[in-house]
């Protein structure tokens, strides 16, 4: 079983990374799914943490994808989460570890987030 941190580069996933390390919890890999449209501050954190970076193959960025499809990014559609984060991470993990490997995924989300 592999232990993976889905790292967003924000306060919550950074705090979770520090907690995992402080507590000595198992951690095999830290992965950042780049939507191509992150804040400059996020990319600065990514430079320091140096996670594995994965990207969607659908478009160079989430904005490019939405523009081409003539849609607006929406929490209801979940394009950012599903197509630009979850799917690229899943594809990368399956390619690297195979389809039979089991995973524990750490995700740092604030209590206030929907």
Protein backbone atom coordinates (compact mmCIF):
# COMPACT_ATOMS: atom_id res chain seq x y z
CA UNK A 1 0.00 0.00 0.00
CA UNK A 2 1.34 3.40 -1.02
CA UNK A 3 0.69 6.61 0.91
CA UNK A 4 0.27 9.66 -1.32
CA UNK A 5 -0.17 13.34 -0.47
CA UNK A 6 -2.26 15.24 -3.01
CA UNK A 7 -0.45 18.55 -2.59
CA UNK A 8 -2.15 21.77 -3.69
CA UNK A 9 0.52 24.18 -2.53
CA UNK A 10 -1.82 26.07 -0.20
CA UNK A 11 -1.97 26.43 3.55
CA UNK A 12 -3.94 23.24 4.20
CA UNK A 13 -1.89 20.78 2.17
CA UNK A 14 1.38 22.39 3.32
CA UNK A 15 0.31 22.09 6.97
CA UNK A 16 -0.70 18.48 6.32
CA UNK A 17 2.71 17.74 4.78
CA UNK A 18 4.46 19.16 7.85
CA UNK A 19 2.15 17.17 10.17
CA UNK A 20 2.83 13.93 8.26
CA UNK A 21 6.57 14.49 8.54
CA UNK A 22 6.40 15.58 12.19
CA UNK A 23 4.35 12.52 13.19
CA UNK A 24 6.45 10.14 11.08
CA UNK A 25 3.40 8.94 9.17
CA UNK A 26 4.02 6.87 6.05
CA UNK A 27 4.47 8.93 2.89
CA UNK A 28 5.66 7.48 -0.41
CA UNK A 29 5.08 10.44 -2.69
CA UNK A 30 3.89 14.04 -2.79
CA UNK A 31 2.02 14.91 -6.00
CA UNK A 32 0.95 18.31 -7.35
CA UNK A 33 -1.67 18.42 -10.12
CA UNK A 34 -0.91 21.59 -12.07
CA UNK A 35 -3.99 23.15 -13.70
CA UNK A 36 -1.74 25.58 -15.55
CA UNK A 37 -3.45 28.50 -13.84
CA UNK A 38 -2.19 28.48 -10.28
CA UNK A 39 -1.24 31.62 -8.40
CA UNK A 40 2.41 32.71 -8.57
CA UNK A 41 2.65 32.09 -4.81
CA UNK A 42 1.56 28.50 -5.33
CA UNK A 43 4.33 27.92 -7.88
CA UNK A 44 6.83 29.42 -5.38
CA UNK A 45 5.76 26.82 -2.79
CA UNK A 46 6.00 24.07 -5.41
CA UNK A 47 9.59 25.12 -6.15
CA UNK A 48 10.47 24.67 -2.46
CA UNK A 49 8.61 21.41 -1.80
CA UNK A 50 9.53 19.80 -5.16
CA UNK A 51 6.63 17.37 -5.47
CA UNK A 52 6.01 15.16 -8.48
CA UNK A 53 4.08 17.35 -10.93
CA UNK A 54 1.32 15.95 -13.13
CA UNK A 55 -0.82 17.74 -15.73
CA UNK A 56 -4.01 16.99 -17.60
CA UNK A 57 -3.61 16.02 -21.25
CA UNK A 58 -6.88 17.78 -22.16
CA UNK A 59 -5.39 21.27 -22.59
CA UNK A 60 -2.36 23.33 -21.53
CA UNK A 61 -4.47 24.88 -18.78
CA UNK A 62 -7.91 24.77 -17.20
CA UNK A 63 -8.66 28.18 -18.73
CA UNK A 64 -7.66 26.97 -22.20
CA UNK A 65 -9.93 23.96 -21.75
CA UNK A 66 -12.88 26.10 -20.67
CA UNK A 67 -12.30 28.60 -23.48
CA UNK A 68 -12.21 25.86 -26.11
CA UNK A 69 -15.36 24.24 -24.71
CA UNK A 70 -17.08 27.64 -24.29
CA UNK A 71 -17.87 26.91 -20.66
CA UNK A 72 -17.23 28.68 -17.38
CA UNK A 73 -15.34 26.93 -14.60
CA UNK A 74 -17.93 25.81 -12.05
CA UNK A 75 -18.01 23.86 -8.81
CA UNK A 76 -21.05 22.10 -10.22
CA UNK A 77 -19.16 20.82 -13.29
CA UNK A 78 -16.09 19.84 -11.22
CA UNK A 79 -13.82 20.13 -14.31
CA UNK A 80 -10.95 21.50 -12.24
CA UNK A 81 -11.13 18.77 -9.62
CA UNK A 82 -12.02 15.82 -11.80
CA UNK A 83 -10.26 16.49 -15.08
CA UNK A 84 -7.29 18.58 -13.98
CA UNK A 85 -6.47 17.11 -10.56
CA UNK A 86 -7.97 13.69 -9.76
CA UNK A 87 -7.68 12.17 -13.24
CA UNK A 88 -4.03 13.16 -13.90
CA UNK A 89 -3.00 11.95 -10.44
CA UNK A 90 -4.83 8.65 -10.87
CA UNK A 91 -3.33 8.12 -14.34
CA UNK A 92 0.19 8.83 -13.05
CA UNK A 93 -0.19 6.49 -10.06
CA UNK A 94 -1.55 3.64 -12.18
CA UNK A 95 1.26 4.03 -14.70
CA UNK A 96 3.94 4.12 -12.00
CA UNK A 97 2.59 1.53 -9.54
CA UNK A 98 0.22 -0.62 -11.61
CA UNK A 99 -3.49 -1.25 -11.41
CA UNK A 100 -3.34 -3.62 -8.45
CA UNK A 101 -1.60 -1.24 -6.02
CA UNK A 102 -3.73 0.20 -3.21
CA UNK A 103 -3.39 3.80 -2.07
CA UNK A 104 -4.03 5.93 0.98
CA UNK A 105 -4.37 9.51 -0.21
CA UNK A 106 -3.86 12.41 2.16
CA UNK A 107 -5.82 15.54 1.17
CA UNK A 108 -5.67 18.78 3.17
CA UNK A 109 -9.01 20.58 2.96
CA UNK A 110 -10.22 23.35 5.25
CA UNK A 111 -13.33 22.64 7.26
CA UNK A 112 -14.98 25.70 5.69
CA UNK A 113 -14.55 24.48 2.11
CA UNK A 114 -17.64 23.14 0.39
